[in-house]
């Protein structure tokens, strides 16, 4: 499943970057088209409206990428770190198998409450 998780991570990051760029472009357009009284000119409103639609579209695509994790039964814990948890059962307890981008396989687990700081080696699983 890790190849799919890596693919989704890349898609989420790419989409997040598209959102940032669209948001920045929108902010620049709003500033560049301010009238002397501080309002946005009618011509600019059309451009800003177009950028808002683009931004909304990019956010929806971002959310769709995130939903792919849920479809796999995986929780994204930290996008920047590439930290992902997989549900598993240890004895009669629900736990997480913990993977961080850069690791070649899942090598750690932790209970639901402890988080990344409570990671234990799979040898203890």
PDB file of N, CA and C in Angstrom:
ATOM      1  N   UNK A   1       0.817  -1.191   0.000  1.00  0.00           N
ATOM      2  CA  UNK A   1       0.000   0.000   0.000  1.00  0.00           C
ATOM      3  C   UNK A   1       0.871   1.270   0.000  1.00  0.00           C
ATOM      4  N   UNK A   2       2.121   1.157   0.429  1.00  0.00           N
ATOM      5  CA  UNK A   2       2.976   2.350   0.517  1.00  0.00           C
ATOM      6  C   UNK A   2       3.168   3.065  -0.823  1.00  0.00           C
ATOM      7  N   UNK A   3       3.305   2.351  -1.944  1.00  0.00           N
ATOM      8  CA  UNK A   3       3.416   3.094  -3.211  1.00  0.00           C
ATOM      9  C   UNK A   3       2.203   3.989  -3.469  1.00  0.00           C
ATOM     10  N   UNK A   4       1.013   3.494  -3.150  1.00  0.00           N
ATOM     11  CA  UNK A   4      -0.209   4.293  -3.326  1.00  0.00           C
ATOM     12  C   UNK A   4      -0.212   5.480  -2.365  1.00  0.00           C
ATOM     13  N   UNK A   5       0.213   5.258  -1.127  1.00  0.00           N
ATOM     14  CA  UNK A   5       0.262   6.335  -0.133  1.00  0.00           C
ATOM     15  C   UNK A   5       1.242   7.414  -0.597  1.00  0.00           C
ATOM     16  N   UNK A   6       2.395   6.997  -1.107  1.00  0.00           N
ATOM     17  CA  UNK A   6       3.375   7.970  -1.617  1.00  0.00           C
ATOM     18  C   UNK A   6       2.787   8.786  -2.770  1.00  0.00           C
ATOM     19  N   UNK A   7       2.076   8.108  -3.647  1.00  0.00           N
ATOM     20  CA  UNK A   7       1.442   8.788  -4.793  1.00  0.00           C
ATOM     21  C   UNK A   7       0.415   9.819  -4.322  1.00  0.00           C
ATOM     22  N   UNK A   8      -0.408   9.446  -3.357  1.00  0.00           N
ATOM     23  CA  UNK A   8      -1.418  10.362  -2.834  1.00  0.00           C
ATOM     24  C   UNK A   8      -0.746  11.540  -2.129  1.00  0.00           C
ATOM     25  N   UNK A   9       0.300  11.267  -1.347  1.00  0.00           N
ATOM     26  CA  UNK A   9       1.035  12.343  -0.674  1.00  0.00           C
ATOM     27  C   UNK A   9       1.516  13.374  -1.685  1.00  0.00           C
ATOM     28  N   UNK A  10       2.091  12.894  -2.770  1.00  0.00           N
ATOM     29  CA  UNK A  10       2.592  13.813  -3.797  1.00  0.00           C
ATOM     30  C   UNK A  10       1.450  14.620  -4.405  1.00  0.00           C
ATOM     31  N   UNK A  11       0.305  13.971  -4.641  1.00  0.00           N
ATOM     32  CA  UNK A  11      -0.848  14.674  -5.185  1.00  0.00           C
ATOM     33  C   UNK A  11      -1.376  15.740  -4.245  1.00  0.00           C
ATOM     34  N   UNK A  12      -1.426  15.430  -2.954  1.00  0.00           N
ATOM     35  CA  UNK A  12      -1.904  16.395  -1.963  1.00  0.00           C
ATOM     36  C   UNK A  12      -0.952  17.586  -1.898  1.00  0.00           C
ATOM     37  N   UNK A  13       0.340  17.305  -1.880  1.00  0.00           N
ATOM     38  CA  UNK A  13       1.318  18.401  -1.829  1.00  0.00           C
ATOM     39  C   UNK A  13       1.237  19.276  -3.078  1.00  0.00           C
ATOM     40  N   UNK A  14       1.121  18.648  -4.222  1.00  0.00           N
ATOM     41  CA  UNK A  14       1.012  19.400  -5.473  1.00  0.00           C
ATOM     42  C   UNK A  14      -0.232  20.278  -5.467  1.00  0.00           C
ATOM     43  N   UNK A  15      -1.331  19.736  -5.001  1.00  0.00           N
ATOM     44  CA  UNK A  15      -2.575  20.492  -4.954  1.00  0.00           C
ATOM     45  C   UNK A  15      -2.476  21.639  -3.963  1.00  0.00           C
ATOM     46  N   UNK A  16      -1.820  21.391  -2.820  1.00  0.00           N
ATOM     47  CA  UNK A  16      -1.628  22.460  -1.838  1.00  0.00           C
ATOM     48  C   UNK A  16      -0.830  23.603  -2.459  1.00  0.00           C
ATOM     49  N   UNK A  17       0.167  23.292  -3.247  1.00  0.00           N
ATOM     50  CA  UNK A  17       0.974  24.335  -3.900  1.00  0.00           C
ATOM     51  C   UNK A  17       0.132  25.119  -4.912  1.00  0.00           C
ATOM     52  N   UNK A  18      -0.731  24.441  -5.637  1.00  0.00           N
ATOM     53  CA  UNK A  18      -1.619  25.128  -6.584  1.00  0.00           C
ATOM     54  C   UNK A  18      -2.548  26.088  -5.849  1.00  0.00           C
ATOM     55  N   UNK A  19      -3.025  25.672  -4.683  1.00  0.00           N
ATOM     56  CA  UNK A  19      -3.895  26.531  -3.871  1.00  0.00           C
ATOM     57  C   UNK A  19      -3.125  27.765  -3.413  1.00  0.00           C
ATOM     58  N   UNK A  20      -1.915  27.570  -2.939  1.00  0.00           N
ATOM     59  CA  UNK A  20      -1.100  28.705  -2.494  1.00  0.00           C
ATOM     60  C   UNK A  20      -0.880  29.702  -3.626  1.00  0.00           C
ATOM     61  N   UNK A  21      -0.540  29.194  -4.801  1.00  0.00           N
ATOM     62  CA  UNK A  21      -0.280  30.078  -5.946  1.00  0.00           C
ATOM     63  C   UNK A  21      -1.535  30.832  -6.367  1.00  0.00           C
ATOM     64  N   UNK A  22      -2.654  30.139  -6.414  1.00  0.00           N
ATOM     65  CA  UNK A  22      -3.907  30.793  -6.797  1.00  0.00           C
ATOM     66  C   UNK A  22      -4.294  31.853  -5.777  1.00  0.00           C
ATOM     67  N   UNK A  23      -4.103  31.555  -4.502  1.00  0.00           N
ATOM     68  CA  UNK A  23      -4.426  32.512  -3.444  1.00  0.00           C
ATOM     69  C   UNK A  23      -3.517  33.740  -3.534  1.00  0.00           C
ATOM     70  N   UNK A  24      -2.240  33.524  -3.787  1.00  0.00           N
ATOM     71  CA  UNK A  24      -1.300  34.641  -3.928  1.00  0.00           C
ATOM     72  C   UNK A  24      -1.647  35.491  -5.146  1.00  0.00           C
ATOM     73  N   UNK A  25      -1.981  34.838  -6.246  1.00  0.00           N
ATOM     74  CA  UNK A  25      -2.343  35.567  -7.460  1.00  0.00           C
ATOM     75  C   UNK A  25      -3.589  36.413  -7.227  1.00  0.00           C
ATOM     76  N   UNK A  26      -4.547  35.845  -6.515  1.00  0.00           N
ATOM     77  CA  UNK A  26      -5.769  36.578  -6.196  1.00  0.00           C
ATOM     78  C   UNK A  26      -5.442  37.808  -5.353  1.00  0.00           C
ATOM     79  N   UNK A  27      -4.585  37.643  -4.359  1.00  0.00           N
ATOM     80  CA  UNK A  27      -4.201  38.765  -3.493  1.00  0.00           C
ATOM     81  C   UNK A  27      -3.499  39.854  -4.284  1.00  0.00           C
ATOM     82  N   UNK A  28      -2.636  39.467  -5.198  1.00  0.00           N
ATOM     83  CA  UNK A  28      -1.919  40.445  -6.035  1.00  0.00           C
ATOM     84  C   UNK A  28      -2.906  41.187  -6.920  1.00  0.00           C
ATOM     85  N   UNK A  29      -3.817  40.478  -7.525  1.00  0.00           N
ATOM     86  CA  UNK A  29      -4.812  41.109  -8.393  1.00  0.00           C
ATOM     87  C   UNK A  29      -5.649  42.118  -7.611  1.00  0.00           C
ATOM     88  N   UNK A  30      -6.056  41.743  -6.416  1.00  0.00           N
ATOM     89  CA  UNK A  30      -6.866  42.652  -5.603  1.00  0.00           C
ATOM     90  C   UNK A  30      -6.094  43.928  -5.274  1.00  0.00           C
ATOM     91  N   UNK A  31      -4.825  43.789  -4.945  1.00  0.00           N
ATOM     92  CA  UNK A  31      -4.016  44.966  -4.611  1.00  0.00           C
ATOM     93  C   UNK A  31      -3.729  45.836  -5.830  1.00  0.00           C
ATOM     94  N   UNK A  32      -3.476  45.192  -6.958  1.00  0.00           N
ATOM     95  CA  UNK A  32      -3.124  45.942  -8.171  1.00  0.00           C
ATOM     96  C   UNK A  32      -4.298  46.728  -8.740  1.00  0.00           C
ATOM     97  N   UNK A  33      -5.489  46.284  -8.444  1.00  0.00           N
ATOM     98  CA  UNK A  33      -6.653  46.904  -9.051  1.00  0.00           C
ATOM     99  C   UNK A  33      -7.460  47.757  -8.069  1.00  0.00           C
ATOM    100  N   UNK A  34      -6.849  48.162  -6.983  1.00  0.00           N
ATOM    101  CA  UNK A  34      -7.564  49.026  -6.045  1.00  0.00           C
ATOM    102  C   UNK A  34      -7.735  50.422  -6.617  1.00  0.00           C
ATOM    103  N   UNK A  35      -8.924  50.946  -6.463  1.00  0.00           N
ATOM    104  CA  UNK A  35      -9.164  52.327  -6.824  1.00  0.00           C
ATOM    105  C   UNK A  35      -8.622  53.214  -5.708  1.00  0.00           C
ATOM    106  N   UNK A  36      -8.582  54.502  -5.986  1.00  0.00           N
ATOM    107  CA  UNK A  36      -8.048  55.447  -4.995  1.00  0.00           C
ATOM    108  C   UNK A  36      -8.813  55.407  -3.680  1.00  0.00           C
ATOM    109  N   UNK A  37     -10.096  55.064  -3.738  1.00  0.00           N
ATOM    110  CA  UNK A  37     -10.895  55.021  -2.510  1.00  0.00           C
ATOM    111  C   UNK A  37     -10.773  53.689  -1.765  1.00  0.00           C
ATOM    112  N   UNK A  38      -9.921  52.797  -2.260  1.00  0.00           N
ATOM    113  CA  UNK A  38      -9.681  51.528  -1.587  1.00  0.00           C
ATOM    114  C   UNK A  38     -10.594  50.398  -2.014  1.00  0.00           C
ATOM    115  N   UNK A  39     -11.466  50.652  -2.978  1.00  0.00           N
ATOM    116  CA  UNK A  39     -12.342  49.595  -3.483  1.00  0.00           C
ATOM    117  C   UNK A  39     -11.712  48.972  -4.728  1.00  0.00           C
ATOM    118  N   UNK A  40     -12.151  47.771  -5.023  1.00  0.00           N
ATOM    119  CA  UNK A  40     -11.671  47.069  -6.213  1.00  0.00           C
ATOM    120  C   UNK A  40     -12.497  47.536  -7.405  1.00  0.00           C
ATOM    121  N   UNK A  41     -11.806  47.872  -8.478  1.00  0.00           N
ATOM    122  CA  UNK A  41     -12.502  48.376  -9.668  1.00  0.00           C
ATOM    123  C   UNK A  41     -13.404  47.285 -10.261  1.00  0.00           C
ATOM    124  N   UNK A  42     -14.461  47.688 -10.979  1.00  0.00           N
ATOM    125  CA  UNK A  42     -15.365  46.706 -11.583  1.00  0.00           C
ATOM    126  C   UNK A  42     -14.636  45.738 -12.519  1.00  0.00           C
ATOM    127  N   UNK A  43     -13.676  46.239 -13.263  1.00  0.00           N
ATOM    128  CA  UNK A  43     -12.924  45.375 -14.177  1.00  0.00           C
ATOM    129  C   UNK A  43     -12.157  44.308 -13.387  1.00  0.00           C
ATOM    130  N   UNK A  44     -11.588  44.710 -12.279  1.00  0.00           N
ATOM    131  CA  UNK A  44     -10.815  43.780 -11.455  1.00  0.00           C
ATOM    132  C   UNK A  44     -11.720  42.767 -10.771  1.00  0.00           C
ATOM    133  N   UNK A  45     -12.930  43.183 -10.435  1.00  0.00           N
ATOM    134  CA  UNK A  45     -13.843  42.263  -9.758  1.00  0.00           C
ATOM    135  C   UNK A  45     -14.076  41.021 -10.608  1.00  0.00           C
ATOM    136  N   UNK A  46     -14.146  41.207 -11.907  1.00  0.00           N
ATOM    137  CA  UNK A  46     -14.340  40.076 -12.808  1.00  0.00           C
ATOM    138  C   UNK A  46     -13.127  39.136 -12.751  1.00  0.00           C
ATOM    139  N   UNK A  47     -11.930  39.713 -12.796  1.00  0.00           N
ATOM    140  CA  UNK A  47     -10.710  38.905 -12.718  1.00  0.00           C
ATOM    141  C   UNK A  47     -10.600  38.216 -11.358  1.00  0.00           C
ATOM    142  N   UNK A  48     -10.890  38.933 -10.305  1.00  0.00           N
ATOM    143  CA  UNK A  48     -10.821  38.365  -8.958  1.00  0.00           C
ATOM    144  C   UNK A  48     -11.854  37.256  -8.810  1.00  0.00           C
ATOM    145  N   UNK A  49     -13.031  37.451  -9.362  1.00  0.00           N
ATOM    146  CA  UNK A  49     -14.067  36.428  -9.312  1.00  0.00           C
ATOM    147  C   UNK A  49     -13.597  35.155 -10.025  1.00  0.00           C
ATOM    148  N   UNK A  50     -12.947  35.330 -11.165  1.00  0.00           N
ATOM    149  CA  UNK A  50     -12.395  34.180 -11.894  1.00  0.00           C
ATOM    150  C   UNK A  50     -11.362  33.452 -11.034  1.00  0.00           C
ATOM    151  N   UNK A  51     -10.499  34.201 -10.365  1.00  0.00           N
ATOM    152  CA  UNK A  51      -9.474  33.599  -9.517  1.00  0.00           C
ATOM    153  C   UNK A  51     -10.082  32.903  -8.302  1.00  0.00           C
ATOM    154  N   UNK A  52     -11.171  33.458  -7.770  1.00  0.00           N
ATOM    155  CA  UNK A  52     -11.866  32.813  -6.651  1.00  0.00           C
ATOM    156  C   UNK A  52     -12.458  31.480  -7.089  1.00  0.00           C
ATOM    157  N   UNK A  53     -13.007  31.434  -8.309  1.00  0.00           N
ATOM    158  CA  UNK A  53     -13.537  30.178  -8.842  1.00  0.00           C
ATOM    159  C   UNK A  53     -12.422  29.155  -9.012  1.00  0.00           C
ATOM    160  N   UNK A  54     -11.285  29.602  -9.517  1.00  0.00           N
ATOM    161  CA  UNK A  54     -10.133  28.721  -9.684  1.00  0.00           C
ATOM    162  C   UNK A  54      -9.671  28.193  -8.324  1.00  0.00           C
ATOM    163  N   UNK A  55      -9.608  29.067  -7.356  1.00  0.00           N
ATOM    164  CA  UNK A  55      -9.185  28.685  -6.011  1.00  0.00           C
ATOM    165  C   UNK A  55     -10.149  27.650  -5.422  1.00  0.00           C
ATOM    166  N   UNK A  56     -11.432  27.881  -5.590  1.00  0.00           N
ATOM    167  CA  UNK A  56     -12.437  26.941  -5.094  1.00  0.00           C
ATOM    168  C   UNK A  56     -12.274  25.573  -5.747  1.00  0.00           C
ATOM    169  N   UNK A  57     -12.007  25.562  -7.039  1.00  0.00           N
ATOM    170  CA  UNK A  57     -11.789  24.310  -7.761  1.00  0.00           C
ATOM    171  C   UNK A  57     -10.564  23.579  -7.215  1.00  0.00           C
ATOM    172  N   UNK A  58      -9.490  24.299  -6.978  1.00  0.00           N
ATOM    173  CA  UNK A  58      -8.262  23.701  -6.467  1.00  0.00           C
ATOM    174  C   UNK A  58      -8.478  23.135  -5.058  1.00  0.00           C
ATOM    175  N   UNK A  59      -9.245  23.830  -4.232  1.00  0.00           N
ATOM    176  CA  UNK A  59      -9.539  23.345  -2.880  1.00  0.00           C
ATOM    177  C   UNK A  59     -10.345  22.043  -2.952  1.00  0.00           C
ATOM    178  N   UNK A  60     -11.313  21.966  -3.853  1.00  0.00           N
ATOM    179  CA  UNK A  60     -12.099  20.737  -4.006  1.00  0.00           C
ATOM    180  C   UNK A  60     -11.209  19.572  -4.427  1.00  0.00           C
ATOM    181  N   UNK A  61     -10.276  19.818  -5.343  1.00  0.00           N
ATOM    182  CA  UNK A  61      -9.351  18.765  -5.759  1.00  0.00           C
ATOM    183  C   UNK A  61      -8.455  18.338  -4.597  1.00  0.00           C
ATOM    184  N   UNK A  62      -8.030  19.294  -3.784  1.00  0.00           N
ATOM    185  CA  UNK A  62      -7.229  18.996  -2.599  1.00  0.00           C
ATOM    186  C   UNK A  62      -8.010  18.070  -1.666  1.00  0.00           C
ATOM    187  N   UNK A  63      -9.263  18.397  -1.431  1.00  0.00           N
ATOM    188  CA  UNK A  63     -10.105  17.587  -0.551  1.00  0.00           C
ATOM    189  C   UNK A  63     -10.307  16.182  -1.121  1.00  0.00           C
ATOM    190  N   UNK A  64     -10.419  16.073  -2.443  1.00  0.00           N
ATOM    191  CA  UNK A  64     -10.561  14.756  -3.072  1.00  0.00           C
ATOM    192  C   UNK A  64      -9.308  13.918  -2.844  1.00  0.00           C
ATOM    193  N   UNK A  65      -8.143  14.551  -2.944  1.00  0.00           N
ATOM    194  CA  UNK A  65      -6.899  13.822  -2.667  1.00  0.00           C
ATOM    195  C   UNK A  65      -6.885  13.324  -1.221  1.00  0.00           C
ATOM    196  N   UNK A  66      -7.293  14.170  -0.291  1.00  0.00           N
ATOM    197  CA  UNK A  66      -7.328  13.770   1.114  1.00  0.00           C
ATOM    198  C   UNK A  66      -8.299  12.610   1.343  1.00  0.00           C
ATOM    199  N   UNK A  67      -9.408  12.624   0.634  1.00  0.00           N
ATOM    200  CA  UNK A  67     -10.399  11.555   0.769  1.00  0.00           C
ATOM    201  C   UNK A  67      -9.839  10.207   0.337  1.00  0.00           C
ATOM    202  N   UNK A  68      -8.839  10.231  -0.544  1.00  0.00           N
ATOM    203  CA  UNK A  68      -8.221   8.972  -0.969  1.00  0.00           C
ATOM    204  C   UNK A  68      -7.553   8.275   0.216  1.00  0.00           C
ATOM    205  N   UNK A  69      -6.981   9.048   1.130  1.00  0.00           N
ATOM    206  CA  UNK A  69      -6.403   8.450   2.330  1.00  0.00           C
ATOM    207  C   UNK A  69      -7.476   7.728   3.129  1.00  0.00           C
ATOM    208  N   UNK A  70      -8.588   8.392   3.351  1.00  0.00           N
ATOM    209  CA  UNK A  70      -9.674   7.793   4.123  1.00  0.00           C
ATOM    210  C   UNK A  70     -10.158   6.507   3.454  1.00  0.00           C
ATOM    211  N   UNK A  71     -10.202   6.514   2.127  1.00  0.00           N
ATOM    212  CA  UNK A  71     -10.623   5.324   1.387  1.00  0.00           C
ATOM    213  C   UNK A  71      -9.696   4.141   1.582  1.00  0.00           C
ATOM    214  N   UNK A  72      -8.459   4.419   1.930  1.00  0.00           N
ATOM    215  CA  UNK A  72      -7.494   3.348   2.192  1.00  0.00           C
ATOM    216  C   UNK A  72      -7.447   2.960   3.666  1.00  0.00           C
ATOM    217  N   UNK A  73      -8.188   3.672   4.504  1.00  0.00           N
ATOM    218  CA  UNK A  73      -8.135   3.429   5.938  1.00  0.00           C
ATOM    219  C   UNK A  73      -6.868   3.979   6.551  1.00  0.00           C
ATOM    220  N   UNK A  74      -6.414   5.098   6.022  1.00  0.00           N
ATOM    221  CA  UNK A  74      -5.149   5.709   6.416  1.00  0.00           C
ATOM    222  C   UNK A  74      -5.425   7.123   6.904  1.00  0.00           C
ATOM    223  N   UNK A  75      -4.677   7.573   7.909  1.00  0.00           N
ATOM    224  CA  UNK A  75      -4.793   8.943   8.390  1.00  0.00           C
ATOM    225  C   UNK A  75      -3.506   9.698   8.098  1.00  0.00           C
ATOM    226  N   UNK A  76      -3.643  10.828   7.431  1.00  0.00           N
ATOM    227  CA  UNK A  76      -2.511  11.721   7.218  1.00  0.00           C
ATOM    228  C   UNK A  76      -2.346  12.543   8.478  1.00  0.00           C
ATOM    229  N   UNK A  77      -1.186  12.439   9.115  1.00  0.00           N
ATOM    230  CA  UNK A  77      -0.942  13.155  10.364  1.00  0.00           C
ATOM    231  C   UNK A  77      -0.173  14.446  10.147  1.00  0.00           C
ATOM    232  N   UNK A  78       0.747  14.454   9.187  1.00  0.00           N
ATOM    233  CA  UNK A  78       1.557  15.646   8.931  1.00  0.00           C
ATOM    234  C   UNK A  78       1.991  15.623   7.478  1.00  0.00           C
ATOM    235  N   UNK A  79       1.448  16.533   6.701  1.00  0.00           N
ATOM    236  CA  UNK A  79       1.743  16.574   5.268  1.00  0.00           C
ATOM    237  C   UNK A  79       3.194  16.953   5.006  1.00  0.00           C
ATOM    238  N   UNK A  80       3.709  17.937   5.723  1.00  0.00           N
ATOM    239  CA  UNK A  80       5.083  18.371   5.500  1.00  0.00           C
ATOM    240  C   UNK A  80       6.091  17.272   5.819  1.00  0.00           C
ATOM    241  N   UNK A  81       5.845  16.547   6.883  1.00  0.00           N
ATOM    242  CA  UNK A  81       6.748  15.466   7.294  1.00  0.00           C
ATOM    243  C   UNK A  81       6.454  14.156   6.561  1.00  0.00           C
ATOM    244  N   UNK A  82       5.303  14.090   5.908  1.00  0.00           N
ATOM    245  CA  UNK A  82       4.915  12.842   5.249  1.00  0.00           C
ATOM    246  C   UNK A  82       4.617  11.751   6.263  1.00  0.00           C
ATOM    247  N   UNK A  83       3.944  12.122   7.344  1.00  0.00           N
ATOM    248  CA  UNK A  83       3.649  11.201   8.434  1.00  0.00           C
ATOM    249  C   UNK A  83       2.234  10.642   8.262  1.00  0.00           C
ATOM    250  N   UNK A  84       2.154   9.312   8.205  1.00  0.00           N
ATOM    251  CA  UNK A  84       0.892   8.636   7.920  1.00  0.00           C
ATOM    252  C   UNK A  84       0.706   7.482   8.905  1.00  0.00           C
ATOM    253  N   UNK A  85      -0.520   7.308   9.397  1.00  0.00           N
ATOM    254  CA  UNK A  85      -0.851   6.200  10.281  1.00  0.00           C
ATOM    255  C   UNK A  85      -1.876   5.289   9.625  1.00  0.00           C
ATOM    256  N   UNK A  86      -1.668   3.982   9.828  1.00  0.00           N
ATOM    257  CA  UNK A  86      -2.562   2.945   9.327  1.00  0.00           C
ATOM    258  C   UNK A  86      -3.197   2.265  10.531  1.00  0.00           C
ATOM    259  N   UNK A  87      -4.489   2.035  10.490  1.00  0.00           N
ATOM    260  CA  UNK A  87      -5.146   1.321  11.582  1.00  0.00           C
ATOM    261  C   UNK A  87      -4.724  -0.143  11.574  1.00  0.00           C
ATOM    262  N   UNK A  88      -4.551  -0.684  12.783  1.00  0.00           N
ATOM    263  CA  UNK A  88      -4.233  -2.103  12.951  1.00  0.00           C
ATOM    264  C   UNK A  88      -4.765  -2.551  14.307  1.00  0.00           C
ATOM    265  N   UNK A  89      -4.785  -3.836  14.526  1.00  0.00           N
ATOM    266  CA  UNK A  89      -5.231  -4.392  15.802  1.00  0.00           C
ATOM    267  C   UNK A  89      -4.054  -5.141  16.421  1.00  0.00           C
ATOM    268  N   UNK A  90      -3.785  -4.816  17.660  1.00  0.00           N
ATOM    269  CA  UNK A  90      -2.746  -5.499  18.433  1.00  0.00           C
ATOM    270  C   UNK A  90      -3.439  -6.108  19.638  1.00  0.00           C
ATOM    271  N   UNK A  91      -3.511  -7.438  19.660  1.00  0.00           N
ATOM    272  CA  UNK A  91      -4.296  -8.110  20.694  1.00  0.00           C
ATOM    273  C   UNK A  91      -5.753  -7.743  20.516  1.00  0.00           C
ATOM    274  N   UNK A  92      -6.314  -7.055  21.499  1.00  0.00           N
ATOM    275  CA  UNK A  92      -7.706  -6.600  21.380  1.00  0.00           C
ATOM    276  C   UNK A  92      -7.798  -5.076  21.316  1.00  0.00           C
ATOM    277  N   UNK A  93      -6.650  -4.426  21.055  1.00  0.00           N
ATOM    278  CA  UNK A  93      -6.613  -2.956  20.998  1.00  0.00           C
ATOM    279  C   UNK A  93      -6.393  -2.451  19.577  1.00  0.00           C
ATOM    280  N   UNK A  94      -7.094  -1.366  19.265  1.00  0.00           N
ATOM    281  CA  UNK A  94      -6.868  -0.677  18.002  1.00  0.00           C
ATOM    282  C   UNK A  94      -5.631   0.204  18.163  1.00  0.00           C
ATOM    283  N   UNK A  95      -4.695   0.087  17.243  1.00  0.00           N
ATOM    284  CA  UNK A  95      -3.447   0.860  17.281  1.00  0.00           C
ATOM    285  C   UNK A  95      -3.178   1.421  15.889  1.00  0.00           C
ATOM    286  N   UNK A  96      -2.116   2.207  15.782  1.00  0.00           N
ATOM    287  CA  UNK A  96      -1.668   2.709  14.497  1.00  0.00           C
ATOM    288  C   UNK A  96      -0.344   2.062  14.118  1.00  0.00           C
ATOM    289  N   UNK A  97      -0.219   1.689  12.885  1.00  0.00           N
ATOM    290  CA  UNK A  97       1.074   1.409  12.294  1.00  0.00           C
ATOM    291  C   UNK A  97       1.537   2.746  11.739  1.00  0.00           C
ATOM    292  N   UNK A  98       2.738   3.137  12.067  1.00  0.00           N
ATOM    293  CA  UNK A  98       3.206   4.495  11.798  1.00  0.00           C
ATOM    294  C   UNK A  98       4.297   4.483  10.737  1.00  0.00           C
ATOM    295  N   UNK A  99       4.108   5.272   9.698  1.00  0.00           N
ATOM    296  CA  UNK A  99       5.083   5.370   8.612  1.00  0.00           C
ATOM    297  C   UNK A  99       5.401   6.834   8.363  1.00  0.00           C
ATOM    298  N   UNK A 100       6.668   7.100   8.125  1.00  0.00           N
ATOM    299  CA  UNK A 100       7.117   8.445   7.783  1.00  0.00           C
ATOM    300  C   UNK A 100       7.812   8.383   6.437  1.00  0.00           C
ATOM    301  N   UNK A 101       7.480   9.336   5.589  1.00  0.00           N
ATOM    302  CA  UNK A 101       8.084   9.384   4.263  1.00  0.00           C
ATOM    303  C   UNK A 101       9.599   9.292   4.375  1.00  0.00           C
ATOM    304  N   UNK A 102      10.178   8.495   3.503  1.00  0.00           N
ATOM    305  CA  UNK A 102      11.614   8.257   3.537  1.00  0.00           C
ATOM    306  C   UNK A 102      11.926   6.870   4.085  1.00  0.00           C
ATOM    307  N   UNK A 103      11.015   6.328   4.877  1.00  0.00           N
ATOM    308  CA  UNK A 103      11.187   4.966   5.370  1.00  0.00           C
ATOM    309  C   UNK A 103      10.759   4.000   4.271  1.00  0.00           C
ATOM    310  N   UNK A 104      11.518   2.927   4.089  1.00  0.00           N
ATOM    311  CA  UNK A 104      11.214   1.998   3.003  1.00  0.00           C
ATOM    312  C   UNK A 104      10.055   1.057   3.324  1.00  0.00           C
ATOM    313  N   UNK A 105       9.735   0.931   4.598  1.00  0.00           N
ATOM    314  CA  UNK A 105       8.601   0.117   5.014  1.00  0.00           C
ATOM    315  C   UNK A 105       8.100   0.602   6.378  1.00  0.00           C
ATOM    316  N   UNK A 106       6.976   0.036   6.792  1.00  0.00           N
ATOM    317  CA  UNK A 106       6.439   0.399   8.106  1.00  0.00           C
ATOM    318  C   UNK A 106       7.285  -0.306   9.161  1.00  0.00           C
ATOM    319  N   UNK A 107       7.899   0.502  10.012  1.00  0.00           N
ATOM    320  CA  UNK A 107       8.813  -0.046  11.009  1.00  0.00           C
ATOM    321  C   UNK A 107       8.394   0.271  12.452  1.00  0.00           C
ATOM    322  N   UNK A 108       7.298   1.038  12.608  1.00  0.00           N
ATOM    323  CA  UNK A 108       6.881   1.463  13.945  1.00  0.00           C
ATOM    324  C   UNK A 108       5.373   1.352  14.118  1.00  0.00           C
ATOM    325  N   UNK A 109       4.961   1.348  15.356  1.00  0.00           N
ATOM    326  CA  UNK A 109       3.551   1.378  15.703  1.00  0.00           C
ATOM    327  C   UNK A 109       3.416   2.186  16.997  1.00  0.00           C
ATOM    328  N   UNK A 110       2.204   2.625  17.293  1.00  0.00           N
ATOM    329  CA  UNK A 110       1.920   3.304  18.557  1.00  0.00           C
ATOM    330  C   UNK A 110       0.436   3.216  18.847  1.00  0.00           C
ATOM    331  N   UNK A 111       0.067   3.401  20.127  1.00  0.00           N
ATOM    332  CA  UNK A 111      -1.358   3.369  20.444  1.00  0.00           C
ATOM    333  C   UNK A 111      -2.005   4.667  19.953  1.00  0.00           C
ATOM    334  N   UNK A 112      -3.300   4.699  19.986  1.00  0.00           N
ATOM    335  CA  UNK A 112      -4.032   5.829  19.413  1.00  0.00           C
ATOM    336  C   UNK A 112      -3.789   7.133  20.144  1.00  0.00           C
ATOM    337  N   UNK A 113      -3.438   7.069  21.408  1.00  0.00           N
ATOM    338  CA  UNK A 113      -3.272   8.278  22.204  1.00  0.00           C
ATOM    339  C   UNK A 113      -1.856   8.844  22.193  1.00  0.00           C
ATOM    340  N   UNK A 114      -0.851   8.015  21.994  1.00  0.00           N
ATOM    341  CA  UNK A 114       0.529   8.474  22.197  1.00  0.00           C
ATOM    342  C   UNK A 114       1.105   9.275  21.041  1.00  0.00           C
ATOM    343  N   UNK A 115       0.681   9.040  19.842  1.00  0.00           N
ATOM    344  CA  UNK A 115       1.200   9.800  18.708  1.00  0.00           C
ATOM    345  C   UNK A 115       2.625   9.444  18.345  1.00  0.00           C
ATOM    346  N   UNK A 116       3.216  10.260  17.487  1.00  0.00           N
ATOM    347  CA  UNK A 116       4.538   9.999  16.929  1.00  0.00           C
ATOM    348  C   UNK A 116       5.593   9.802  18.020  1.00  0.00           C
ATOM    349  N   UNK A 117       5.516  10.577  19.078  1.00  0.00           N
ATOM    350  CA  UNK A 117       6.492  10.474  20.164  1.00  0.00           C
ATOM    351  C   UNK A 117       6.466   9.133  20.876  1.00  0.00           C
ATOM    352  N   UNK A 118       5.369   8.409  20.743  1.00  0.00           N
ATOM    353  CA  UNK A 118       5.248   7.113  21.394  1.00  0.00           C
ATOM    354  C   UNK A 118       5.514   5.937  20.474  1.00  0.00           C
ATOM    355  N   UNK A 119       6.123   6.211  19.350  1.00  0.00           N
ATOM    356  CA  UNK A 119       6.396   5.134  18.385  1.00  0.00           C
ATOM    357  C   UNK A 119       7.264   4.041  19.017  1.00  0.00           C
ATOM    358  N   UNK A 120       6.921   2.821  18.684  1.00  0.00           N
ATOM    359  CA  UNK A 120       7.693   1.658  19.129  1.00  0.00           C
ATOM    360  C   UNK A 120       8.073   0.828  17.904  1.00  0.00           C
ATOM    361  N   UNK A 121       9.176   0.124  17.981  1.00  0.00           N
ATOM    362  CA  UNK A 121       9.577  -0.716  16.847  1.00  0.00           C
ATOM    363  C   UNK A 121       8.567  -1.839  16.605  1.00  0.00           C
ATOM    364  N   UNK A 122       8.427  -2.238  15.350  1.00  0.00           N
ATOM    365  CA  UNK A 122       7.512  -3.320  14.992  1.00  0.00           C
ATOM    366  C   UNK A 122       7.908  -4.622  15.681  1.00  0.00           C
ATOM    367  N   UNK A 123       9.173  -4.761  16.072  1.00  0.00           N
ATOM    368  CA  UNK A 123       9.601  -5.965  16.773  1.00  0.00           C
ATOM    369  C   UNK A 123       8.826  -6.149  18.086  1.00  0.00           C
ATOM    370  N   UNK A 124       8.312  -5.052  18.636  1.00  0.00           N
ATOM    371  CA  UNK A 124       7.516  -5.113  19.866  1.00  0.00           C
ATOM    372  C   UNK A 124       6.026  -5.305  19.591  1.00  0.00           C
ATOM    373  N   UNK A 125       5.652  -5.344  18.346  1.00  0.00           N
ATOM    374  CA  UNK A 125       4.247  -5.459  17.987  1.00  0.00           C
ATOM    375  C   UNK A 125       3.741  -6.827  18.382  1.00  0.00           C
TER     376      UNK A 125
END
